[in-house]
Amino acid sequence: MNETFNPEDRSSWYVGAMSRDEATDILNNEREGGVFLVRDSSSIRGDYVLCVKEDCKVSHYIINRVPKDNQIRYRIGDQFFDDLPSLIKFYKLHYLNTTPLIRPALRTSQTVIAKYDFNGNDPDDLPFRKGDVLTIVSKDEEQWWTAKNSQGKTGSIPVPYVQRYEGPMQVAELRETTIQTAPVIPVSENTTKKTTLQKKLPAFARVKQPRVPNAYDKTALKLDVGDIIKVTKTNINGQWEGELNGKVGHFPFTHVEFLNSDSNEGEEEI
């Protein structure tokens, strides 16, 4: 029996939003077969993809999230599971194509280089100068990531201001180029507001828009205006996780707004 990892430890194998190419690059750096990760599907919202190193290639298995027997089930091929950990546990003991799941992939840190100066506007921002090399800590949102500089200071950085770091020569080349105007970062209804990026979780938020979820989706929370929800996780795909009236589930971030950090309103209701 393979005892090298715990299928219940979702954080060890679930990476959230990640492109097919990025997942392939990570797994191609692994030497042994059976190394894997689970990412969000980029083509079907709510579905997942199981990415596995098999022989000399990386396989991407779609995991459909479907209603079955009055509940949400997870389907891969012709197999159905109650949740993702159950699916991972099954393929820890059974072969996919050429291998079972051996262990989650090792995720190496990503470094970027600044294309423009950034002075920062908020206390949570991480100021930097053109040519500075930063280490990405987490990709919280489409336009804003959390990064760390060479002094170990961590903060928010605007994604359009940086690019992938490819080596020391790149620093000199960037600093020799003429200073250009930095791009404007767009903010739309589909992008999480940056003010929530560095919010310490768990945190409380007030429901500003009602929502009645699909009756077959047992993991979605029903929201009523004025409800106070305990937010436990903010995902880049816009589906946040939290607790409301004793139920744990997910909900769209567009339906809530965080309470002021100095307010304890709602804590008695959670």
C-alpha atoms as a PDB file:
ATOM      1  CA  MET A   1       0.000   0.000   0.000  1.00  0.00           C
ATOM      2  CA  ASN A   2       1.252   3.491  -0.889  1.00  0.00           C
ATOM      3  CA  GLU A   3       1.559   5.567   2.291  1.00  0.00           C
ATOM      4  CA  THR A   4       3.635   8.442   0.932  1.00  0.00           C
ATOM      5  CA  PHE A   5       0.902  11.094   1.149  1.00  0.00           C
ATOM      6  CA  ASN A   6      -2.462  11.811   2.752  1.00  0.00           C
ATOM      7  CA  PRO A   7      -5.357  12.172   0.252  1.00  0.00           C
ATOM      8  CA  GLU A   8      -7.277  14.189   2.855  1.00  0.00           C
ATOM      9  CA  ASP A   9      -4.577  16.867   2.847  1.00  0.00           C
ATOM     10  CA  ARG A  10      -6.106  18.874   0.016  1.00  0.00           C
ATOM     11  CA  SER A  11      -3.516  21.649   0.315  1.00  0.00           C
ATOM     12  CA  SER A  12      -0.744  19.235  -0.667  1.00  0.00           C
ATOM     13  CA  TRP A  13      -2.175  18.420  -4.107  1.00  0.00           C
ATOM     14  CA  TYR A  14      -4.777  21.074  -5.025  1.00  0.00           C
ATOM     15  CA  VAL A  15      -3.218  24.114  -6.732  1.00  0.00           C
ATOM     16  CA  GLY A  16      -6.334  26.071  -7.738  1.00  0.00           C
ATOM     17  CA  ALA A  17      -6.149  28.127 -10.925  1.00  0.00           C
ATOM     18  CA  MET A  18      -3.209  26.993 -13.043  1.00  0.00           C
ATOM     19  CA  SER A  19      -2.763  26.731 -16.802  1.00  0.00           C
ATOM     20  CA  ARG A  20      -2.225  23.412 -18.574  1.00  0.00           C
ATOM     21  CA  ASP A  21       1.248  24.529 -19.680  1.00  0.00           C
ATOM     22  CA  GLU A  22       2.281  25.555 -16.160  1.00  0.00           C
ATOM     23  CA  ALA A  23       1.107  22.230 -14.724  1.00  0.00           C
ATOM     24  CA  THR A  24       2.935  20.357 -17.478  1.00  0.00           C
ATOM     25  CA  ASP A  25       6.151  22.265 -16.780  1.00  0.00           C
ATOM     26  CA  ILE A  26       5.968  21.449 -13.063  1.00  0.00           C
ATOM     27  CA  LEU A  27       5.397  17.736 -13.664  1.00  0.00           C
ATOM     28  CA  ASN A  28       8.017  17.487 -16.403  1.00  0.00           C
ATOM     29  CA  ASN A  29      10.559  18.508 -13.782  1.00  0.00           C
ATOM     30  CA  GLU A  30       9.693  15.392 -11.788  1.00  0.00           C
ATOM     31  CA  ARG A  31      11.693  12.227 -12.456  1.00  0.00           C
ATOM     32  CA  GLU A  32       9.280   9.538 -11.283  1.00  0.00           C
ATOM     33  CA  GLY A  33       5.884   8.549 -12.604  1.00  0.00           C
ATOM     34  CA  GLY A  34       2.791   8.927 -10.460  1.00  0.00           C
ATOM     35  CA  VAL A  35       3.578  12.464  -9.315  1.00  0.00           C
ATOM     36  CA  PHE A  36       0.444  14.583  -9.651  1.00  0.00           C
ATOM     37  CA  LEU A  37      -1.517  17.745  -8.890  1.00  0.00           C
ATOM     38  CA  VAL A  38      -5.142  18.837  -9.223  1.00  0.00           C
ATOM     39  CA  ARG A  39      -5.977  22.178 -10.828  1.00  0.00           C
ATOM     40  CA  ASP A  40      -9.135  24.062 -11.763  1.00  0.00           C
ATOM     41  CA  SER A  41     -10.375  23.424 -15.283  1.00  0.00           C
ATOM     42  CA  SER A  42      -9.736  26.468 -17.479  1.00  0.00           C
ATOM     43  CA  SER A  43     -12.466  25.489 -19.947  1.00  0.00           C
ATOM     44  CA  ILE A  44     -15.362  24.400 -17.701  1.00  0.00           C
ATOM     45  CA  ARG A  45     -15.936  26.445 -14.557  1.00  0.00           C
ATOM     46  CA  GLY A  46     -16.424  24.256 -11.495  1.00  0.00           C
ATOM     47  CA  ASP A  47     -14.652  21.232 -12.991  1.00  0.00           C
ATOM     48  CA  TYR A  48     -11.133  20.082 -12.159  1.00  0.00           C
ATOM     49  CA  VAL A  49      -8.196  18.437 -13.931  1.00  0.00           C
ATOM     50  CA  LEU A  50      -6.004  15.672 -12.487  1.00  0.00           C
ATOM     51  CA  CYS A  51      -2.509  16.132 -13.960  1.00  0.00           C
ATOM     52  CA  VAL A  52      -0.169  13.146 -13.671  1.00  0.00           C
ATOM     53  CA  LYS A  53       3.391  12.346 -14.766  1.00  0.00           C
ATOM     54  CA  GLU A  54       3.080   9.020 -16.632  1.00  0.00           C
ATOM     55  CA  ASP A  55       6.147   7.514 -18.282  1.00  0.00           C
ATOM     56  CA  CYS A  56       7.636  10.287 -20.436  1.00  0.00           C
ATOM     57  CA  LYS A  57       4.508  12.408 -20.725  1.00  0.00           C
ATOM     58  CA  VAL A  58       2.059  14.392 -18.596  1.00  0.00           C
ATOM     59  CA  SER A  59      -1.575  13.298 -18.729  1.00  0.00           C
ATOM     60  CA  HIS A  60      -4.484  15.659 -17.965  1.00  0.00           C
ATOM     61  CA  TYR A  61      -7.654  13.885 -16.787  1.00  0.00           C
ATOM     62  CA  ILE A  62     -10.817  15.974 -16.616  1.00  0.00           C
ATOM     63  CA  ILE A  63     -12.846  15.650 -13.393  1.00  0.00           C
ATOM     64  CA  ASN A  64     -16.467  16.614 -13.972  1.00  0.00           C
ATOM     65  CA  ARG A  65     -18.544  17.989 -11.113  1.00  0.00           C
ATOM     66  CA  VAL A  66     -22.018  16.599 -11.813  1.00  0.00           C
ATOM     67  CA  PRO A  67     -25.353  16.145 -10.012  1.00  0.00           C
ATOM     68  CA  LYS A  68     -26.051  12.452  -9.338  1.00  0.00           C
ATOM     69  CA  ASP A  69     -28.460  10.817  -6.892  1.00  0.00           C
ATOM     70  CA  ASN A  70     -29.567  14.222  -5.566  1.00  0.00           C
ATOM     71  CA  GLN A  71     -26.034  15.309  -4.679  1.00  0.00           C
ATOM     72  CA  ILE A  72     -22.890  16.605  -6.326  1.00  0.00           C
ATOM     73  CA  ARG A  73     -20.522  13.825  -7.404  1.00  0.00           C
ATOM     74  CA  TYR A  74     -17.111  13.936  -9.030  1.00  0.00           C
ATOM     75  CA  ARG A  75     -16.659  11.901 -12.203  1.00  0.00           C
ATOM     76  CA  ILE A  76     -13.429  10.842 -13.881  1.00  0.00           C
ATOM     77  CA  GLY A  77     -14.003   8.503 -16.805  1.00  0.00           C
ATOM     78  CA  ASP A  78     -16.841   6.197 -15.694  1.00  0.00           C
ATOM     79  CA  GLN A  79     -15.954   6.388 -11.983  1.00  0.00           C
ATOM     80  CA  PHE A  80     -17.975   8.533  -9.539  1.00  0.00           C
ATOM     81  CA  PHE A  81     -16.800   9.822  -6.150  1.00  0.00           C
ATOM     82  CA  ASP A  82     -18.387  11.785  -3.309  1.00  0.00           C
ATOM     83  CA  ASP A  83     -15.505  14.254  -3.132  1.00  0.00           C
ATOM     84  CA  LEU A  84     -12.016  14.917  -4.465  1.00  0.00           C
ATOM     85  CA  PRO A  85     -10.128  13.275  -1.568  1.00  0.00           C
ATOM     86  CA  SER A  86     -12.076  10.056  -2.236  1.00  0.00           C
ATOM     87  CA  LEU A  87     -11.046  10.214  -5.885  1.00  0.00           C
ATOM     88  CA  ILE A  88      -7.395  10.781  -4.953  1.00  0.00           C
ATOM     89  CA  LYS A  89      -7.503   7.929  -2.433  1.00  0.00           C
ATOM     90  CA  PHE A  90      -8.930   5.538  -5.049  1.00  0.00           C
ATOM     91  CA  TYR A  91      -6.203   6.312  -7.598  1.00  0.00           C
ATOM     92  CA  LYS A  92      -3.571   6.076  -4.916  1.00  0.00           C
ATOM     93  CA  LEU A  93      -4.387   2.354  -4.914  1.00  0.00           C
ATOM     94  CA  HIS A  94      -5.459   1.893  -8.563  1.00  0.00           C
ATOM     95  CA  TYR A  95      -3.787   2.614 -11.876  1.00  0.00           C
ATOM     96  CA  LEU A  96      -4.875   5.490 -14.103  1.00  0.00           C
ATOM     97  CA  ASN A  97      -3.132   4.562 -17.348  1.00  0.00           C
ATOM     98  CA  THR A  98       0.360   3.382 -16.420  1.00  0.00           C
ATOM     99  CA  THR A  99       0.665   4.320 -12.746  1.00  0.00           C
ATOM    100  CA  PRO A 100      -1.230   4.995  -9.520  1.00  0.00           C
ATOM    101  CA  LEU A 101      -0.793   8.322  -7.719  1.00  0.00           C
ATOM    102  CA  ILE A 102       2.521   8.254  -5.845  1.00  0.00           C
ATOM    103  CA  ARG A 103       2.820  11.738  -4.344  1.00  0.00           C
ATOM    104  CA  PRO A 104       1.872  15.385  -4.975  1.00  0.00           C
ATOM    105  CA  ALA A 105       4.227  17.417  -7.151  1.00  0.00           C
ATOM    106  CA  LEU A 106       6.831  19.650  -5.594  1.00  0.00           C
ATOM    107  CA  ARG A 107       5.958  23.247  -6.388  1.00  0.00           C
ATOM    108  CA  THR A 108       9.073  25.351  -6.851  1.00  0.00           C
ATOM    109  CA  SER A 109       8.935  29.077  -6.250  1.00  0.00           C
ATOM    110  CA  GLN A 110       8.543  31.389  -9.239  1.00  0.00           C
ATOM    111  CA  THR A 111      10.668  34.496  -9.674  1.00  0.00           C
ATOM    112  CA  VAL A 112       9.756  37.595 -11.681  1.00  0.00           C
ATOM    113  CA  ILE A 113      11.562  40.774 -12.647  1.00  0.00           C
ATOM    114  CA  ALA A 114      10.090  44.278 -12.492  1.00  0.00           C
ATOM    115  CA  LYS A 115       9.517  46.027 -15.833  1.00  0.00           C
ATOM    116  CA  TYR A 116       8.568  49.351 -14.208  1.00  0.00           C
ATOM    117  CA  ASP A 117       8.953  51.204 -10.908  1.00  0.00           C
ATOM    118  CA  PHE A 118       6.120  50.671  -8.431  1.00  0.00           C
ATOM    119  CA  ASN A 119       5.896  52.989  -5.425  1.00  0.00           C
ATOM    120  CA  GLY A 120       2.847  51.353  -3.877  1.00  0.00           C
ATOM    121  CA  ASN A 121      -0.407  53.007  -2.886  1.00  0.00           C
ATOM    122  CA  ASP A 122      -1.471  50.985   0.160  1.00  0.00           C
ATOM    123  CA  PRO A 123       0.332  49.763   3.298  1.00  0.00           C
ATOM    124  CA  ASP A 124      -0.001  46.200   1.980  1.00  0.00           C
ATOM    125  CA  ASP A 125       1.813  46.999  -1.279  1.00  0.00           C
ATOM    126  CA  LEU A 126       5.409  45.934  -1.930  1.00  0.00           C
ATOM    127  CA  PRO A 127       7.263  48.842  -3.615  1.00  0.00           C
ATOM    128  CA  PHE A 128       9.997  47.947  -6.103  1.00  0.00           C
ATOM    129  CA  ARG A 129      12.223  49.430  -8.788  1.00  0.00           C
ATOM    130  CA  LYS A 130      12.649  48.447 -12.397  1.00  0.00           C
ATOM    131  CA  GLY A 131      15.011  45.471 -12.575  1.00  0.00           C
ATOM    132  CA  ASP A 132      14.277  44.191  -9.054  1.00  0.00           C
ATOM    133  CA  VAL A 133      13.875  40.397  -8.837  1.00  0.00           C
ATOM    134  CA  LEU A 134      10.952  39.176  -6.704  1.00  0.00           C
ATOM    135  CA  THR A 135       9.777  35.753  -5.535  1.00  0.00           C
ATOM    136  CA  ILE A 136       6.080  34.977  -5.966  1.00  0.00           C
ATOM    137  CA  VAL A 137       4.453  33.815  -2.742  1.00  0.00           C
ATOM    138  CA  SER A 138       0.901  33.333  -4.031  1.00  0.00           C
ATOM    139  CA  LYS A 139      -1.190  34.229  -7.088  1.00  0.00           C
ATOM    140  CA  ASP A 140      -4.173  35.620  -5.220  1.00  0.00           C
ATOM    141  CA  GLU A 141      -5.880  37.447  -8.061  1.00  0.00           C
ATOM    142  CA  GLU A 142      -5.658  37.976 -11.800  1.00  0.00           C
ATOM    143  CA  GLN A 143      -4.051  41.426 -11.533  1.00  0.00           C
ATOM    144  CA  TRP A 144      -2.452  41.301  -8.047  1.00  0.00           C
ATOM    145  CA  TRP A 145      -0.066  38.716  -6.591  1.00  0.00           C
ATOM    146  CA  THR A 146       1.772  38.447  -3.290  1.00  0.00           C
ATOM    147  CA  ALA A 147       5.574  38.572  -3.614  1.00  0.00           C
ATOM    148  CA  LYS A 148       8.730  38.767  -1.494  1.00  0.00           C
ATOM    149  CA  ASN A 149      11.783  40.928  -2.195  1.00  0.00           C
ATOM    150  CA  SER A 150      15.475  40.215  -1.520  1.00  0.00           C
ATOM    151  CA  GLN A 151      15.158  41.738   1.969  1.00  0.00           C
ATOM    152  CA  GLY A 152      12.408  39.280   2.868  1.00  0.00           C
ATOM    153  CA  LYS A 153       9.607  41.856   2.872  1.00  0.00           C
ATOM    154  CA  THR A 154       6.278  40.590   1.539  1.00  0.00           C
ATOM    155  CA  GLY A 155       3.427  42.521  -0.069  1.00  0.00           C
ATOM    156  CA  SER A 156       1.103  43.006  -3.046  1.00  0.00           C
ATOM    157  CA  ILE A 157       2.468  43.606  -6.545  1.00  0.00           C
ATOM    158  CA  PRO A 158       0.642  44.476  -9.798  1.00  0.00           C
ATOM    159  CA  VAL A 159       1.026  41.630 -12.291  1.00  0.00           C
ATOM    160  CA  PRO A 160       1.299  43.849 -15.421  1.00  0.00           C
ATOM    161  CA  TYR A 161       4.417  45.461 -13.897  1.00  0.00           C
ATOM    162  CA  VAL A 162       6.467  42.243 -13.869  1.00  0.00           C
ATOM    163  CA  GLN A 163       7.557  39.427 -16.171  1.00  0.00           C
ATOM    164  CA  ARG A 164       9.212  36.031 -15.784  1.00  0.00           C
ATOM    165  CA  TYR A 165      12.808  36.229 -14.577  1.00  0.00           C
ATOM    166  CA  GLU A 166      15.217  34.542 -16.997  1.00  0.00           C
ATOM    167  CA  GLY A 167      18.649  35.371 -15.569  1.00  0.00           C
ATOM    168  CA  PRO A 168      21.097  38.097 -14.439  1.00  0.00           C
ATOM    169  CA  MET A 169      21.578  39.534 -17.947  1.00  0.00           C
ATOM    170  CA  GLN A 170      17.901  40.438 -17.992  1.00  0.00           C
ATOM    171  CA  VAL A 171      18.409  42.869 -15.082  1.00  0.00           C
ATOM    172  CA  ALA A 172      21.026  44.872 -16.975  1.00  0.00           C
ATOM    173  CA  GLU A 173      18.981  44.868 -20.185  1.00  0.00           C
ATOM    174  CA  LEU A 174      15.887  46.185 -18.431  1.00  0.00           C
ATOM    175  CA  ARG A 175      17.727  48.913 -16.561  1.00  0.00           C
ATOM    176  CA  GLU A 176      19.396  50.107 -19.775  1.00  0.00           C
ATOM    177  CA  THR A 177      16.102  50.527 -21.642  1.00  0.00           C
ATOM    178  CA  THR A 178      14.294  53.850 -21.767  1.00  0.00           C
ATOM    179  CA  ILE A 179      11.764  54.356 -18.983  1.00  0.00           C
ATOM    180  CA  GLN A 180       8.277  53.667 -20.277  1.00  0.00           C
ATOM    181  CA  THR A 181       4.872  54.539 -18.870  1.00  0.00           C
ATOM    182  CA  ALA A 182       3.575  51.807 -16.618  1.00  0.00           C
ATOM    183  CA  PRO A 183       0.299  50.180 -17.693  1.00  0.00           C
ATOM    184  CA  VAL A 184      -3.015  50.959 -16.039  1.00  0.00           C
ATOM    185  CA  ILE A 185      -4.375  47.977 -14.129  1.00  0.00           C
ATOM    186  CA  PRO A 186      -7.990  47.339 -15.163  1.00  0.00           C
ATOM    187  CA  VAL A 187     -10.600  46.612 -12.497  1.00  0.00           C
ATOM    188  CA  SER A 188     -13.814  44.912 -13.551  1.00  0.00           C
ATOM    189  CA  GLU A 189     -16.751  43.259 -11.827  1.00  0.00           C
ATOM    190  CA  ASN A 190     -15.147  39.904 -12.590  1.00  0.00           C
ATOM    191  CA  THR A 191     -11.895  40.771 -10.809  1.00  0.00           C
ATOM    192  CA  THR A 192     -11.536  40.667  -7.048  1.00  0.00           C
ATOM    193  CA  LYS A 193     -10.948  44.117  -5.557  1.00  0.00           C
ATOM    194  CA  LYS A 194      -7.329  44.524  -4.468  1.00  0.00           C
ATOM    195  CA  THR A 195      -8.400  45.792  -1.043  1.00  0.00           C
ATOM    196  CA  THR A 196      -9.302  42.207  -0.135  1.00  0.00           C
ATOM    197  CA  LEU A 197      -5.998  40.732  -1.279  1.00  0.00           C
ATOM    198  CA  GLN A 198      -4.101  40.938   1.989  1.00  0.00           C
ATOM    199  CA  LYS A 199      -7.123  40.344   4.221  1.00  0.00           C
ATOM    200  CA  LYS A 200      -6.138  38.110   7.098  1.00  0.00           C
ATOM    201  CA  LEU A 201      -8.362  35.043   7.171  1.00  0.00           C
ATOM    202  CA  PRO A 202     -10.653  33.988   8.631  1.00  0.00           C
ATOM    203  CA  ALA A 203     -12.504  37.312   8.349  1.00  0.00           C
ATOM    204  CA  PHE A 204     -16.134  38.357   8.459  1.00  0.00           C
ATOM    205  CA  ALA A 205     -18.092  39.724   5.501  1.00  0.00           C
ATOM    206  CA  ARG A 206     -21.639  40.978   5.018  1.00  0.00           C
ATOM    207  CA  VAL A 207     -23.835  39.623   2.226  1.00  0.00           C
ATOM    208  CA  LYS A 208     -24.850  42.460  -0.111  1.00  0.00           C
ATOM    209  CA  GLN A 209     -26.614  40.398  -2.770  1.00  0.00           C
ATOM    210  CA  PRO A 210     -28.954  37.413  -2.236  1.00  0.00           C
ATOM    211  CA  ARG A 211     -28.235  34.052  -3.816  1.00  0.00           C
ATOM    212  CA  VAL A 212     -30.227  30.849  -4.024  1.00  0.00           C
ATOM    213  CA  PRO A 213     -27.900  28.054  -5.223  1.00  0.00           C
ATOM    214  CA  ASN A 214     -28.820  25.138  -7.445  1.00  0.00           C
ATOM    215  CA  ALA A 215     -30.719  22.549  -5.391  1.00  0.00           C
ATOM    216  CA  TYR A 216     -28.268  19.871  -6.555  1.00  0.00           C
ATOM    217  CA  ASP A 217     -25.226  21.798  -5.385  1.00  0.00           C
ATOM    218  CA  LYS A 218     -24.880  20.724  -1.774  1.00  0.00           C
ATOM    219  CA  THR A 219     -21.620  22.640  -1.272  1.00  0.00           C
ATOM    220  CA  ALA A 220     -23.002  26.088  -2.185  1.00  0.00           C
ATOM    221  CA  LEU A 221     -24.211  28.501   0.479  1.00  0.00           C
ATOM    222  CA  LYS A 222     -27.603  30.225   0.372  1.00  0.00           C
ATOM    223  CA  LEU A 223     -27.107  33.953   0.919  1.00  0.00           C
ATOM    224  CA  ASP A 224     -29.542  36.565   2.218  1.00  0.00           C
ATOM    225  CA  VAL A 225     -28.782  40.276   2.296  1.00  0.00           C
ATOM    226  CA  GLY A 226     -27.376  41.233   5.691  1.00  0.00           C
ATOM    227  CA  ASP A 227     -26.074  37.765   6.570  1.00  0.00           C
ATOM    228  CA  ILE A 228     -22.642  37.754   8.190  1.00  0.00           C
ATOM    229  CA  ILE A 229     -20.410  35.072   6.718  1.00  0.00           C
ATOM    230  CA  LYS A 230     -17.063  33.853   8.024  1.00  0.00           C
ATOM    231  CA  VAL A 231     -14.695  33.821   5.022  1.00  0.00           C
ATOM    232  CA  THR A 232     -12.057  31.111   5.354  1.00  0.00           C
ATOM    233  CA  LYS A 233     -10.522  31.053   1.873  1.00  0.00           C
ATOM    234  CA  THR A 234     -10.384  33.390  -1.148  1.00  0.00           C
ATOM    235  CA  ASN A 235      -9.816  31.624  -4.464  1.00  0.00           C
ATOM    236  CA  ILE A 236      -8.616  33.272  -7.659  1.00  0.00           C
ATOM    237  CA  ASN A 237     -11.549  31.767  -9.596  1.00  0.00           C
ATOM    238  CA  GLY A 238     -13.958  33.979  -7.633  1.00  0.00           C
ATOM    239  CA  GLN A 239     -15.531  31.139  -5.668  1.00  0.00           C
ATOM    240  CA  TRP A 240     -14.699  31.802  -2.033  1.00  0.00           C
ATOM    241  CA  GLU A 241     -15.188  29.429   0.885  1.00  0.00           C
ATOM    242  CA  GLY A 242     -16.723  30.150   4.258  1.00  0.00           C
ATOM    243  CA  GLU A 243     -19.153  29.304   7.026  1.00  0.00           C
ATOM    244  CA  LEU A 244     -22.699  30.602   7.447  1.00  0.00           C
ATOM    245  CA  ASN A 245     -25.329  29.452   9.949  1.00  0.00           C
ATOM    246  CA  GLY A 246     -23.268  26.384  10.796  1.00  0.00           C
ATOM    247  CA  LYS A 247     -22.838  25.295   7.160  1.00  0.00           C
ATOM    248  CA  VAL A 248     -19.508  25.295   5.332  1.00  0.00           C
ATOM    249  CA  GLY A 249     -19.501  25.863   1.583  1.00  0.00           C
ATOM    250  CA  HIS A 250     -18.614  28.130  -1.334  1.00  0.00           C
ATOM    251  CA  PHE A 251     -20.108  31.344  -2.711  1.00  0.00           C
ATOM    252  CA  PRO A 252     -19.292  34.073  -5.290  1.00  0.00           C
ATOM    253  CA  PHE A 253     -17.063  36.837  -3.914  1.00  0.00           C
ATOM    254  CA  THR A 254     -19.201  39.420  -5.778  1.00  0.00           C
ATOM    255  CA  HIS A 255     -22.057  38.821  -3.309  1.00  0.00           C
ATOM    256  CA  VAL A 256     -20.210  39.932  -0.158  1.00  0.00           C
ATOM    257  CA  GLU A 257     -18.114  42.764   1.255  1.00  0.00           C
ATOM    258  CA  PHE A 258     -15.670  42.501   4.125  1.00  0.00           C
ATOM    259  CA  LEU A 259     -16.519  44.203   7.405  1.00  0.00           C
ATOM    260  CA  ASN A 260     -14.090  46.770   8.741  1.00  0.00           C
ATOM    261  CA  SER A 261     -11.148  45.088  10.456  1.00  0.00           C
ATOM    262  CA  ASP A 262     -11.871  46.984  13.661  1.00  0.00           C
ATOM    263  CA  SER A 263     -15.434  45.708  13.806  1.00  0.00           C
ATOM    264  CA  ASN A 264     -16.448  42.456  15.488  1.00  0.00           C
ATOM    265  CA  GLU A 265     -19.990  42.644  14.155  1.00  0.00           C
ATOM    266  CA  GLY A 266     -21.440  39.253  13.391  1.00  0.00           C
ATOM    267  CA  GLU A 267     -19.079  37.145  15.429  1.00  0.00           C
ATOM    268  CA  GLU A 268     -21.869  36.085  17.744  1.00  0.00           C
ATOM    269  CA  GLU A 269     -23.902  34.775  14.810  1.00  0.00           C
ATOM    270  CA  ILE A 270     -21.254  32.470  13.328  1.00  0.00           C
END
